[in-house]
mmCIF file of all heavy atoms, coordinates in Angstrom:
data_MODEL
# 
_entry.id   MODEL 
# 
loop_
_atom_site.group_PDB 
_atom_site.id 
_atom_site.type_symbol 
_atom_site.label_atom_id 
_atom_site.label_alt_id 
_atom_site.label_comp_id 
_atom_site.label_asym_id 
_atom_site.label_entity_id 
_atom_site.label_seq_id 
_atom_site.pdbx_PDB_ins_code 
_atom_site.Cartn_x 
_atom_site.Cartn_y 
_atom_site.Cartn_z 
_atom_site.occupancy 
_atom_site.B_iso_or_equiv 
_atom_site.pdbx_formal_charge 
_atom_site.auth_seq_id 
_atom_site.auth_comp_id 
_atom_site.auth_asym_id 
_atom_site.auth_atom_id 
_atom_site.pdbx_PDB_model_num 
ATOM 1   N N   . LEU A 1 1  ? 0.842   -1.186  0.000   1.00 0.00 ? 1  LEU A N   1 
ATOM 2   C CA  . LEU A 1 1  ? 0.000   0.000   0.000   1.00 0.00 ? 1  LEU A CA  1 
ATOM 3   C C   . LEU A 1 1  ? 0.885   1.246   0.000   1.00 0.00 ? 1  LEU A C   1 
ATOM 4   O O   . LEU A 1 1  ? 1.907   1.300   0.696   1.00 0.00 ? 1  LEU A O   1 
ATOM 5   C CB  . LEU A 1 1  ? -0.911  0.007   1.219   1.00 0.00 ? 1  LEU A CB  1 
ATOM 6   C CG  . LEU A 1 1  ? -2.251  -0.745  1.057   1.00 0.00 ? 1  LEU A CG  1 
ATOM 7   C CD1 . LEU A 1 1  ? -2.014  -2.230  0.802   1.00 0.00 ? 1  LEU A CD1 1 
ATOM 8   C CD2 . LEU A 1 1  ? -3.123  -0.558  2.287   1.00 0.00 ? 1  LEU A CD2 1 
ATOM 9   N N   . GLY A 1 2  ? 0.515   2.223   -0.814  1.00 0.00 ? 2  GLY A N   1 
ATOM 10  C CA  . GLY A 1 2  ? 1.306   3.438   -0.946  1.00 0.00 ? 2  GLY A CA  1 
ATOM 11  C C   . GLY A 1 2  ? 2.316   3.377   -2.071  1.00 0.00 ? 2  GLY A C   1 
ATOM 12  O O   . GLY A 1 2  ? 2.976   4.372   -2.360  1.00 0.00 ? 2  GLY A O   1 
ATOM 13  N N   . ALA A 1 3  ? 2.422   2.218   -2.726  1.00 0.00 ? 3  ALA A N   1 
ATOM 14  C CA  . ALA A 1 3  ? 3.357   2.056   -3.842  1.00 0.00 ? 3  ALA A CA  1 
ATOM 15  C C   . ALA A 1 3  ? 2.585   2.044   -5.162  1.00 0.00 ? 3  ALA A C   1 
ATOM 16  O O   . ALA A 1 3  ? 1.398   1.726   -5.197  1.00 0.00 ? 3  ALA A O   1 
ATOM 17  C CB  . ALA A 1 3  ? 4.147   0.760   -3.685  1.00 0.00 ? 3  ALA A CB  1 
ATOM 18  N N   . PRO A 1 4  ? 3.235   2.389   -6.258  1.00 0.00 ? 4  PRO A N   1 
ATOM 19  C CA  . PRO A 1 4  ? 2.553   2.341   -7.564  1.00 0.00 ? 4  PRO A CA  1 
ATOM 20  C C   . PRO A 1 4  ? 2.100   0.924   -7.890  1.00 0.00 ? 4  PRO A C   1 
ATOM 21  O O   . PRO A 1 4  ? 2.807   -0.051  -7.601  1.00 0.00 ? 4  PRO A O   1 
ATOM 22  C CB  . PRO A 1 4  ? 3.636   2.815   -8.536  1.00 0.00 ? 4  PRO A CB  1 
ATOM 23  C CG  . PRO A 1 4  ? 4.612   3.577   -7.706  1.00 0.00 ? 4  PRO A CG  1 
ATOM 24  C CD  . PRO A 1 4  ? 4.614   2.907   -6.367  1.00 0.00 ? 4  PRO A CD  1 
ATOM 25  N N   . VAL A 1 5  ? 0.940   0.802   -8.495  1.00 0.00 ? 5  VAL A N   1 
ATOM 26  C CA  . VAL A 1 5  ? 0.442   -0.520  -8.860  1.00 0.00 ? 5  VAL A CA  1 
ATOM 27  C C   . VAL A 1 5  ? 1.357   -1.186  -9.866  1.00 0.00 ? 5  VAL A C   1 
ATOM 28  O O   . VAL A 1 5  ? 1.430   -2.422  -9.956  1.00 0.00 ? 5  VAL A O   1 
ATOM 29  C CB  . VAL A 1 5  ? -1.001  -0.429  -9.404  1.00 0.00 ? 5  VAL A CB  1 
ATOM 30  C CG1 . VAL A 1 5  ? -1.040  0.289   -10.749 1.00 0.00 ? 5  VAL A CG1 1 
ATOM 31  C CG2 . VAL A 1 5  ? -1.645  -1.806  -9.495  1.00 0.00 ? 5  VAL A CG2 1 
ATOM 32  N N   . THR A 1 6  ? 2.103   -0.392  -10.619 1.00 0.00 ? 6  THR A N   1 
ATOM 33  C CA  . THR A 1 6  ? 3.043   -0.943  -11.594 1.00 0.00 ? 6  THR A CA  1 
ATOM 34  C C   . THR A 1 6  ? 4.233   -1.633  -10.930 1.00 0.00 ? 6  THR A C   1 
ATOM 35  O O   . THR A 1 6  ? 5.023   -2.281  -11.625 1.00 0.00 ? 6  THR A O   1 
ATOM 36  C CB  . THR A 1 6  ? 3.551   0.169   -12.536 1.00 0.00 ? 6  THR A CB  1 
ATOM 37  O OG1 . THR A 1 6  ? 4.017   1.276   -11.755 1.00 0.00 ? 6  THR A OG1 1 
ATOM 38  C CG2 . THR A 1 6  ? 2.430   0.638   -13.462 1.00 0.00 ? 6  THR A CG2 1 
ATOM 39  N N   . ASP A 1 7  ? 4.359   -1.509  -9.612  1.00 0.00 ? 7  ASP A N   1 
ATOM 40  C CA  . ASP A 1 7  ? 5.416   -2.235  -8.898  1.00 0.00 ? 7  ASP A CA  1 
ATOM 41  C C   . ASP A 1 7  ? 5.095   -3.720  -8.776  1.00 0.00 ? 7  ASP A C   1 
ATOM 42  O O   . ASP A 1 7  ? 5.984   -4.524  -8.483  1.00 0.00 ? 7  ASP A O   1 
ATOM 43  C CB  . ASP A 1 7  ? 5.622   -1.659  -7.490  1.00 0.00 ? 7  ASP A CB  1 
ATOM 44  C CG  . ASP A 1 7  ? 6.431   -0.369  -7.500  1.00 0.00 ? 7  ASP A CG  1 
ATOM 45  O OD1 . ASP A 1 7  ? 6.834   0.070   -8.600  1.00 0.00 ? 7  ASP A OD1 1 
ATOM 46  O OD2 . ASP A 1 7  ? 6.664   0.189   -6.411  1.00 0.00 ? 7  ASP A OD2 1 
ATOM 47  N N   . ILE A 1 8  ? 3.828   -4.099  -8.973  1.00 0.00 ? 8  ILE A N   1 
ATOM 48  C CA  . ILE A 1 8  ? 3.483   -5.515  -8.923  1.00 0.00 ? 8  ILE A CA  1 
ATOM 49  C C   . ILE A 1 8  ? 4.137   -6.208  -10.118 1.00 0.00 ? 8  ILE A C   1 
ATOM 50  O O   . ILE A 1 8  ? 3.941   -5.792  -11.264 1.00 0.00 ? 8  ILE A O   1 
ATOM 51  C CB  . ILE A 1 8  ? 1.954   -5.716  -8.971  1.00 0.00 ? 8  ILE A CB  1 
ATOM 52  C CG1 . ILE A 1 8  ? 1.297   -5.054  -7.763  1.00 0.00 ? 8  ILE A CG1 1 
ATOM 53  C CG2 . ILE A 1 8  ? 1.606   -7.206  -9.017  1.00 0.00 ? 8  ILE A CG2 1 
ATOM 54  C CD1 . ILE A 1 8  ? -0.221  -5.127  -7.769  1.00 0.00 ? 8  ILE A CD1 1 
ATOM 55  N N   . PRO A 1 9  ? 4.942   -7.233  -9.891  1.00 0.00 ? 9  PRO A N   1 
ATOM 56  C CA  . PRO A 1 9  ? 5.677   -7.871  -10.992 1.00 0.00 ? 9  PRO A CA  1 
ATOM 57  C C   . PRO A 1 9  ? 4.745   -8.643  -11.927 1.00 0.00 ? 9  PRO A C   1 
ATOM 58  O O   . PRO A 1 9  ? 4.183   -9.674  -11.553 1.00 0.00 ? 9  PRO A O   1 
ATOM 59  C CB  . PRO A 1 9  ? 6.652   -8.807  -10.268 1.00 0.00 ? 9  PRO A CB  1 
ATOM 60  C CG  . PRO A 1 9  ? 6.003   -9.095  -8.951  1.00 0.00 ? 9  PRO A CG  1 
ATOM 61  C CD  . PRO A 1 9  ? 5.256   -7.849  -8.582  1.00 0.00 ? 9  PRO A CD  1 
ATOM 62  N N   . GLU A 1 10 ? 4.591   -8.157  -13.130 1.00 0.00 ? 10 GLU A N   1 
ATOM 63  C CA  . GLU A 1 10 ? 3.627   -8.750  -14.066 1.00 0.00 ? 10 GLU A CA  1 
ATOM 64  C C   . GLU A 1 10 ? 4.033   -10.144 -14.519 1.00 0.00 ? 10 GLU A C   1 
ATOM 65  O O   . GLU A 1 10 ? 3.163   -10.933 -14.924 1.00 0.00 ? 10 GLU A O   1 
ATOM 66  C CB  . GLU A 1 10 ? 3.448   -7.810  -15.259 1.00 0.00 ? 10 GLU A CB  1 
ATOM 67  C CG  . GLU A 1 10 ? 2.772   -6.504  -14.855 1.00 0.00 ? 10 GLU A CG  1 
ATOM 68  C CD  . GLU A 1 10 ? 2.735   -5.477  -15.964 1.00 0.00 ? 10 GLU A CD  1 
ATOM 69  O OE1 . GLU A 1 10 ? 3.281   -5.762  -17.050 1.00 0.00 ? 10 GLU A OE1 1 
ATOM 70  O OE2 . GLU A 1 10 ? 2.166   -4.387  -15.753 1.00 0.00 ? 10 GLU A OE2 1 
ATOM 71  N N   . MET A 1 11 ? 5.312   -10.484 -14.420 1.00 0.00 ? 11 MET A N   1 
ATOM 72  C CA  . MET A 1 11 ? 5.747   -11.826 -14.790 1.00 0.00 ? 11 MET A CA  1 
ATOM 73  C C   . MET A 1 11 ? 5.332   -12.864 -13.755 1.00 0.00 ? 11 MET A C   1 
ATOM 74  O O   . MET A 1 11 ? 5.389   -14.067 -14.027 1.00 0.00 ? 11 MET A O   1 
ATOM 75  C CB  . MET A 1 11 ? 7.270   -11.844 -14.978 1.00 0.00 ? 11 MET A CB  1 
ATOM 76  C CG  . MET A 1 11 ? 7.757   -11.020 -16.148 1.00 0.00 ? 11 MET A CG  1 
ATOM 77  S SD  . MET A 1 11 ? 7.141   -11.671 -17.732 1.00 0.00 ? 11 MET A SD  1 
ATOM 78  C CE  . MET A 1 11 ? 8.021   -13.226 -17.807 1.00 0.00 ? 11 MET A CE  1 
ATOM 79  N N   . GLU A 1 12 ? 4.915   -12.417 -12.571 1.00 0.00 ? 12 GLU A N   1 
ATOM 80  C CA  . GLU A 1 12 ? 4.563   -13.340 -11.496 1.00 0.00 ? 12 GLU A CA  1 
ATOM 81  C C   . GLU A 1 12 ? 3.058   -13.537 -11.348 1.00 0.00 ? 12 GLU A C   1 
ATOM 82  O O   . GLU A 1 12 ? 2.615   -14.312 -10.495 1.00 0.00 ? 12 GLU A O   1 
ATOM 83  C CB  . GLU A 1 12 ? 5.138   -12.830 -10.168 1.00 0.00 ? 12 GLU A CB  1 
ATOM 84  C CG  . GLU A 1 12 ? 6.642   -12.636 -10.152 1.00 0.00 ? 12 GLU A CG  1 
ATOM 85  C CD  . GLU A 1 12 ? 7.404   -13.942 -10.271 1.00 0.00 ? 12 GLU A CD  1 
ATOM 86  O OE1 . GLU A 1 12 ? 6.792   -15.007 -10.065 1.00 0.00 ? 12 GLU A OE1 1 
ATOM 87  O OE2 . GLU A 1 12 ? 8.606   -13.910 -10.590 1.00 0.00 ? 12 GLU A OE2 1 
ATOM 88  N N   . VAL A 1 13 ? 2.253   -12.815 -12.130 1.00 0.00 ? 13 VAL A N   1 
ATOM 89  C CA  . VAL A 1 13 ? 0.795   -12.914 -12.020 1.00 0.00 ? 13 VAL A CA  1 
ATOM 90  C C   . VAL A 1 13 ? 0.187   -13.102 -13.407 1.00 0.00 ? 13 VAL A C   1 
ATOM 91  O O   . VAL A 1 13 ? 0.871   -12.968 -14.427 1.00 0.00 ? 13 VAL A O   1 
ATOM 92  C CB  . VAL A 1 13 ? 0.199   -11.661 -11.340 1.00 0.00 ? 13 VAL A CB  1 
ATOM 93  C CG1 . VAL A 1 13 ? 0.792   -11.472 -9.951  1.00 0.00 ? 13 VAL A CG1 1 
ATOM 94  C CG2 . VAL A 1 13 ? 0.429   -10.411 -12.188 1.00 0.00 ? 13 VAL A CG2 1 
ATOM 95  N N   . VAL A 1 14 ? -1.119  -13.391 -13.423 1.00 0.00 ? 14 VAL A N   1 
ATOM 96  C CA  . VAL A 1 14 ? -1.824  -13.584 -14.692 1.00 0.00 ? 14 VAL A CA  1 
ATOM 97  C C   . VAL A 1 14 ? -3.179  -12.897 -14.623 1.00 0.00 ? 14 VAL A C   1 
ATOM 98  O O   . VAL A 1 14 ? -3.641  -12.492 -13.556 1.00 0.00 ? 14 VAL A O   1 
ATOM 99  C CB  . VAL A 1 14 ? -2.023  -15.088 -15.013 1.00 0.00 ? 14 VAL A CB  1 
ATOM 100 C CG1 . VAL A 1 14 ? -0.694  -15.774 -15.241 1.00 0.00 ? 14 VAL A CG1 1 
ATOM 101 C CG2 . VAL A 1 14 ? -2.803  -15.780 -13.887 1.00 0.00 ? 14 VAL A CG2 1 
ATOM 102 N N   . ASP A 1 15 ? -3.810  -12.767 -15.784 1.00 0.00 ? 15 ASP A N   1 
ATOM 103 C CA  . ASP A 1 15 ? -5.197  -12.287 -15.889 1.00 0.00 ? 15 ASP A CA  1 
ATOM 104 C C   . ASP A 1 15 ? -5.417  -10.900 -15.282 1.00 0.00 ? 15 ASP A C   1 
ATOM 105 O O   . ASP A 1 15 ? -6.410  -10.662 -14.582 1.00 0.00 ? 15 ASP A O   1 
ATOM 106 C CB  . ASP A 1 15 ? -6.167  -13.277 -15.234 1.00 0.00 ? 15 ASP A CB  1 
ATOM 107 C CG  . ASP A 1 15 ? -6.143  -14.639 -15.894 1.00 0.00 ? 15 ASP A CG  1 
ATOM 108 O OD1 . ASP A 1 15 ? -5.751  -14.708 -17.072 1.00 0.00 ? 15 ASP A OD1 1 
ATOM 109 O OD2 . ASP A 1 15 ? -6.513  -15.626 -15.232 1.00 0.00 ? 15 ASP A OD2 1 
ATOM 110 N N   . ILE A 1 16 ? -4.536  -9.971  -15.529 1.00 0.00 ? 16 ILE A N   1 
ATOM 111 C CA  . ILE A 1 16 ? -4.729  -8.599  -15.045 1.00 0.00 ? 16 ILE A CA  1 
ATOM 112 C C   . ILE A 1 16 ? -5.967  -8.022  -15.719 1.00 0.00 ? 16 ILE A C   1 
ATOM 113 O O   . ILE A 1 16 ? -6.080  -8.016  -16.944 1.00 0.00 ? 16 ILE A O   1 
ATOM 114 C CB  . ILE A 1 16 ? -3.493  -7.735  -15.357 1.00 0.00 ? 16 ILE A CB  1 
ATOM 115 C CG1 . ILE A 1 16 ? -2.227  -8.378  -14.774 1.00 0.00 ? 16 ILE A CG1 1 
ATOM 116 C CG2 . ILE A 1 16 ? -3.678  -6.327  -14.808 1.00 0.00 ? 16 ILE A CG2 1 
ATOM 117 C CD1 . ILE A 1 16 ? -0.942  -7.712  -15.238 1.00 0.00 ? 16 ILE A CD1 1 
ATOM 118 N N   . SER A 1 17 ? -6.926  -7.544  -14.912 1.00 0.00 ? 17 SER A N   1 
ATOM 119 C CA  . SER A 1 17 ? -8.209  -7.095  -15.444 1.00 0.00 ? 17 SER A CA  1 
ATOM 120 C C   . SER A 1 17 ? -8.846  -6.101  -14.488 1.00 0.00 ? 17 SER A C   1 
ATOM 121 O O   . SER A 1 17 ? -8.396  -5.918  -13.351 1.00 0.00 ? 17 SER A O   1 
ATOM 122 C CB  . SER A 1 17 ? -9.174  -8.285  -15.606 1.00 0.00 ? 17 SER A CB  1 
ATOM 123 O OG  . SER A 1 17 ? -8.582  -9.351  -16.301 1.00 0.00 ? 17 SER A OG  1 
ATOM 124 N N   . CYS A 1 18 ? -9.913  -5.477  -14.933 1.00 0.00 ? 18 CYS A N   1 
ATOM 125 C CA  . CYS A 1 18 ? -10.751 -4.696  -14.031 1.00 0.00 ? 18 CYS A CA  1 
ATOM 126 C C   . CYS A 1 18 ? -11.550 -5.664  -13.164 1.00 0.00 ? 18 CYS A C   1 
ATOM 127 O O   . CYS A 1 18 ? -12.048 -6.680  -13.650 1.00 0.00 ? 18 CYS A O   1 
ATOM 128 C CB  . CYS A 1 18 ? -11.702 -3.795  -14.825 1.00 0.00 ? 18 CYS A CB  1 
ATOM 129 S SG  . CYS A 1 18 ? -10.860 -2.558  -15.835 1.00 0.00 ? 18 CYS A SG  1 
ATOM 130 N N   . GLY A 1 19 ? -11.648 -5.357  -11.879 1.00 0.00 ? 19 GLY A N   1 
ATOM 131 C CA  . GLY A 1 19 ? -12.362 -6.228  -10.970 1.00 0.00 ? 19 GLY A CA  1 
ATOM 132 C C   . GLY A 1 19 ? -13.851 -5.964  -10.973 1.00 0.00 ? 19 GLY A C   1 
ATOM 133 O O   . GLY A 1 19 ? -14.326 -4.934  -11.470 1.00 0.00 ? 19 GLY A O   1 
ATOM 134 N N   . THR A 1 20 ? -14.604 -6.908  -10.394 1.00 0.00 ? 20 THR A N   1 
ATOM 135 C CA  . THR A 1 20 ? -16.064 -6.786  -10.333 1.00 0.00 ? 20 THR A CA  1 
ATOM 136 C C   . THR A 1 20 ? -16.563 -7.047  -8.915  1.00 0.00 ? 20 THR A C   1 
ATOM 137 O O   . THR A 1 20 ? -17.577 -7.684  -8.711  1.00 0.00 ? 20 THR A O   1 
ATOM 138 C CB  . THR A 1 20 ? -16.746 -7.752  -11.314 1.00 0.00 ? 20 THR A CB  1 
ATOM 139 O OG1 . THR A 1 20 ? -16.337 -9.095  -11.018 1.00 0.00 ? 20 THR A OG1 1 
ATOM 140 C CG2 . THR A 1 20 ? -16.377 -7.420  -12.753 1.00 0.00 ? 20 THR A CG2 1 
ATOM 141 N N   . ASN A 1 21 ? -15.823 -6.581  -7.927  1.00 0.00 ? 21 ASN A N   1 
ATOM 142 C CA  . ASN A 1 21 ? -16.250 -6.665  -6.532  1.00 0.00 ? 21 ASN A CA  1 
ATOM 143 C C   . ASN A 1 21 ? -16.499 -8.108  -6.096  1.00 0.00 ? 21 ASN A C   1 
ATOM 144 O O   . ASN A 1 21 ? -17.535 -8.437  -5.535  1.00 0.00 ? 21 ASN A O   1 
ATOM 145 C CB  . ASN A 1 21 ? -17.507 -5.818  -6.304  1.00 0.00 ? 21 ASN A CB  1 
ATOM 146 C CG  . ASN A 1 21 ? -17.720 -5.495  -4.835  1.00 0.00 ? 21 ASN A CG  1 
ATOM 147 O OD1 . ASN A 1 21 ? -16.821 -5.641  -4.014  1.00 0.00 ? 21 ASN A OD1 1 
ATOM 148 N ND2 . ASN A 1 21 ? -18.917 -5.060  -4.494  1.00 0.00 ? 21 ASN A ND2 1 
ATOM 149 N N   . GLY A 1 22 ? -15.530 -8.960  -6.381  1.00 0.00 ? 22 GLY A N   1 
ATOM 150 C CA  . GLY A 1 22 ? -15.620 -10.346 -5.959  1.00 0.00 ? 22 GLY A CA  1 
ATOM 151 C C   . GLY A 1 22 ? -16.086 -11.300 -7.027  1.00 0.00 ? 22 GLY A C   1 
ATOM 152 O O   . GLY A 1 22 ? -15.999 -12.517 -6.853  1.00 0.00 ? 22 GLY A O   1 
ATOM 153 N N   . GLY A 1 23 ? -16.572 -10.778 -8.145  1.00 0.00 ? 23 GLY A N   1 
ATOM 154 C CA  . GLY A 1 23 ? -17.011 -11.624 -9.238  1.00 0.00 ? 23 GLY A CA  1 
ATOM 155 C C   . GLY A 1 23 ? -15.866 -11.905 -10.201 1.00 0.00 ? 23 GLY A C   1 
ATOM 156 O O   . GLY A 1 23 ? -14.706 -11.588 -9.930  1.00 0.00 ? 23 GLY A O   1 
ATOM 157 N N   . PRO A 1 24 ? -16.166 -12.505 -11.349 1.00 0.00 ? 24 PRO A N   1 
ATOM 158 C CA  . PRO A 1 24 ? -15.123 -12.791 -12.334 1.00 0.00 ? 24 PRO A CA  1 
ATOM 159 C C   . PRO A 1 24 ? -14.558 -11.506 -12.918 1.00 0.00 ? 24 PRO A C   1 
ATOM 160 O O   . PRO A 1 24 ? -15.214 -10.462 -12.908 1.00 0.00 ? 24 PRO A O   1 
ATOM 161 C CB  . PRO A 1 24 ? -15.865 -13.613 -13.394 1.00 0.00 ? 24 PRO A CB  1 
ATOM 162 C CG  . PRO A 1 24 ? -17.295 -13.213 -13.248 1.00 0.00 ? 24 PRO A CG  1 
ATOM 163 C CD  . PRO A 1 24 ? -17.501 -12.950 -11.788 1.00 0.00 ? 24 PRO A CD  1 
ATOM 164 N N   . PRO A 1 25 ? -13.336 -11.556 -13.445 1.00 0.00 ? 25 PRO A N   1 
ATOM 165 C CA  . PRO A 1 25 ? -12.733 -10.351 -14.029 1.00 0.00 ? 25 PRO A CA  1 
ATOM 166 C C   . PRO A 1 25 ? -13.512 -9.865  -15.228 1.00 0.00 ? 25 PRO A C   1 
ATOM 167 O O   . PRO A 1 25 ? -14.171 -10.639 -15.921 1.00 0.00 ? 25 PRO A O   1 
ATOM 168 C CB  . PRO A 1 25 ? -11.326 -10.822 -14.418 1.00 0.00 ? 25 PRO A CB  1 
ATOM 169 C CG  . PRO A 1 25 ? -11.451 -12.305 -14.566 1.00 0.00 ? 25 PRO A CG  1 
ATOM 170 C CD  . PRO A 1 25 ? -12.460 -12.731 -13.560 1.00 0.00 ? 25 PRO A CD  1 
ATOM 171 N N   . SER A 1 26 ? -13.431 -8.546  -15.484 1.00 0.00 ? 26 SER A N   1 
ATOM 172 C CA  . SER A 1 26 ? -14.130 -7.978  -16.639 1.00 0.00 ? 26 SER A CA  1 
ATOM 173 C C   . SER A 1 26 ? -13.126 -7.545  -17.700 1.00 0.00 ? 26 SER A C   1 
ATOM 174 O O   . SER A 1 26 ? -12.492 -8.386  -18.326 1.00 0.00 ? 26 SER A O   1 
ATOM 175 C CB  . SER A 1 26 ? -15.037 -6.823  -16.202 1.00 0.00 ? 26 SER A CB  1 
ATOM 176 O OG  . SER A 1 26 ? -14.296 -5.791  -15.585 1.00 0.00 ? 26 SER A OG  1 
ATOM 177 N N   . THR A 1 27 ? -12.954 -6.253  -17.909 1.00 0.00 ? 27 THR A N   1 
ATOM 178 C CA  . THR A 1 27 ? -12.101 -5.756  -18.992 1.00 0.00 ? 27 THR A CA  1 
ATOM 179 C C   . THR A 1 27 ? -10.646 -6.178  -18.800 1.00 0.00 ? 27 THR A C   1 
ATOM 180 O O   . THR A 1 27 ? -10.006 -5.823  -17.796 1.00 0.00 ? 27 THR A O   1 
ATOM 181 C CB  . THR A 1 27 ? -12.162 -4.215  -19.056 1.00 0.00 ? 27 THR A CB  1 
ATOM 182 O OG1 . THR A 1 27 ? -13.521 -3.802  -19.178 1.00 0.00 ? 27 THR A OG1 1 
ATOM 183 C CG2 . THR A 1 27 ? -11.342 -3.700  -20.229 1.00 0.00 ? 27 THR A CG2 1 
ATOM 184 N N   . PRO A 1 28 ? -10.079 -6.933  -19.734 1.00 0.00 ? 28 PRO A N   1 
ATOM 185 C CA  . PRO A 1 28 ? -8.670  -7.330  -19.612 1.00 0.00 ? 28 PRO A CA  1 
ATOM 186 C C   . PRO A 1 28 ? -7.746  -6.129  -19.768 1.00 0.00 ? 28 PRO A C   1 
ATOM 187 O O   . PRO A 1 28 ? -8.019  -5.212  -20.545 1.00 0.00 ? 28 PRO A O   1 
ATOM 188 C CB  . PRO A 1 28 ? -8.479  -8.327  -20.766 1.00 0.00 ? 28 PRO A CB  1 
ATOM 189 C CG  . PRO A 1 28 ? -9.857  -8.714  -21.199 1.00 0.00 ? 28 PRO A CG  1 
ATOM 190 C CD  . PRO A 1 28 ? -10.724 -7.525  -20.919 1.00 0.00 ? 28 PRO A CD  1 
ATOM 191 N N   . LEU A 1 29 ? -6.656  -6.134  -19.043 1.00 0.00 ? 29 LEU A N   1 
ATOM 192 C CA  . LEU A 1 29 ? -5.638  -5.091  -19.140 1.00 0.00 ? 29 LEU A CA  1 
ATOM 193 C C   . LEU A 1 29 ? -4.327  -5.720  -19.602 1.00 0.00 ? 29 LEU A C   1 
ATOM 194 O O   . LEU A 1 29 ? -3.957  -6.792  -19.125 1.00 0.00 ? 29 LEU A O   1 
ATOM 195 C CB  . LEU A 1 29 ? -5.436  -4.406  -17.784 1.00 0.00 ? 29 LEU A CB  1 
ATOM 196 C CG  . LEU A 1 29 ? -6.689  -3.815  -17.117 1.00 0.00 ? 29 LEU A CG  1 
ATOM 197 C CD1 . LEU A 1 29 ? -6.322  -3.227  -15.752 1.00 0.00 ? 29 LEU A CD1 1 
ATOM 198 C CD2 . LEU A 1 29 ? -7.338  -2.754  -18.001 1.00 0.00 ? 29 LEU A CD2 1 
# 
């Protein structure tokens, strides 16, 4: 918290998307 979201290592995660408040992901990023 307090760090840029771009600090999250994209090589370590998948399916970056807009969230839906606990539901499935929506718009892919």
